[in-house]
Amino acid sequence: MLLALVLVTMGLLVLGTSGLFVTELLHRSGRAAAAAAFAARRVELLRPVACAPAHRVHGSESLRQGSVVVATNAWSFEQRGSATVRIRVTSSYVTRRSRSRTDTLETAVTCRG
């Protein structure tokens, strides 16, 4: 009987620990998904202006939830050949453990005209 009680207790401890691990993974993936969606929205806004040299302005912006900065985007344009422009959006965000992460989203726009 005592052995069964010890085994059940150990099983519950393992289950509780794995629950905390899953919660941490969900929280981390939520921040990464928010930053990725924020960067994708910026790319879609920049795509129409990429072919007009006067509108290719490097910049940055921050995504806020209340007063907390969730992610920061910085973007740039690069002429690649005579008819292609590369758009690069770098998205930075802070993890739950206060570590900084940076992801980059790039796309190429073909300009004809």
Foldseek 3Di string as FASTA:
>chain_A
DVVVVVVVVVVVVVVVVVVVVVVLVVQQVVLVVVQVVVQVVVCVVCQVCLQPVVPFDWDKDFDDDVPRTSKMKTWGWDDDPDFKIKIKIKIWGAGPVRDIDIDIDMDMHGHDD
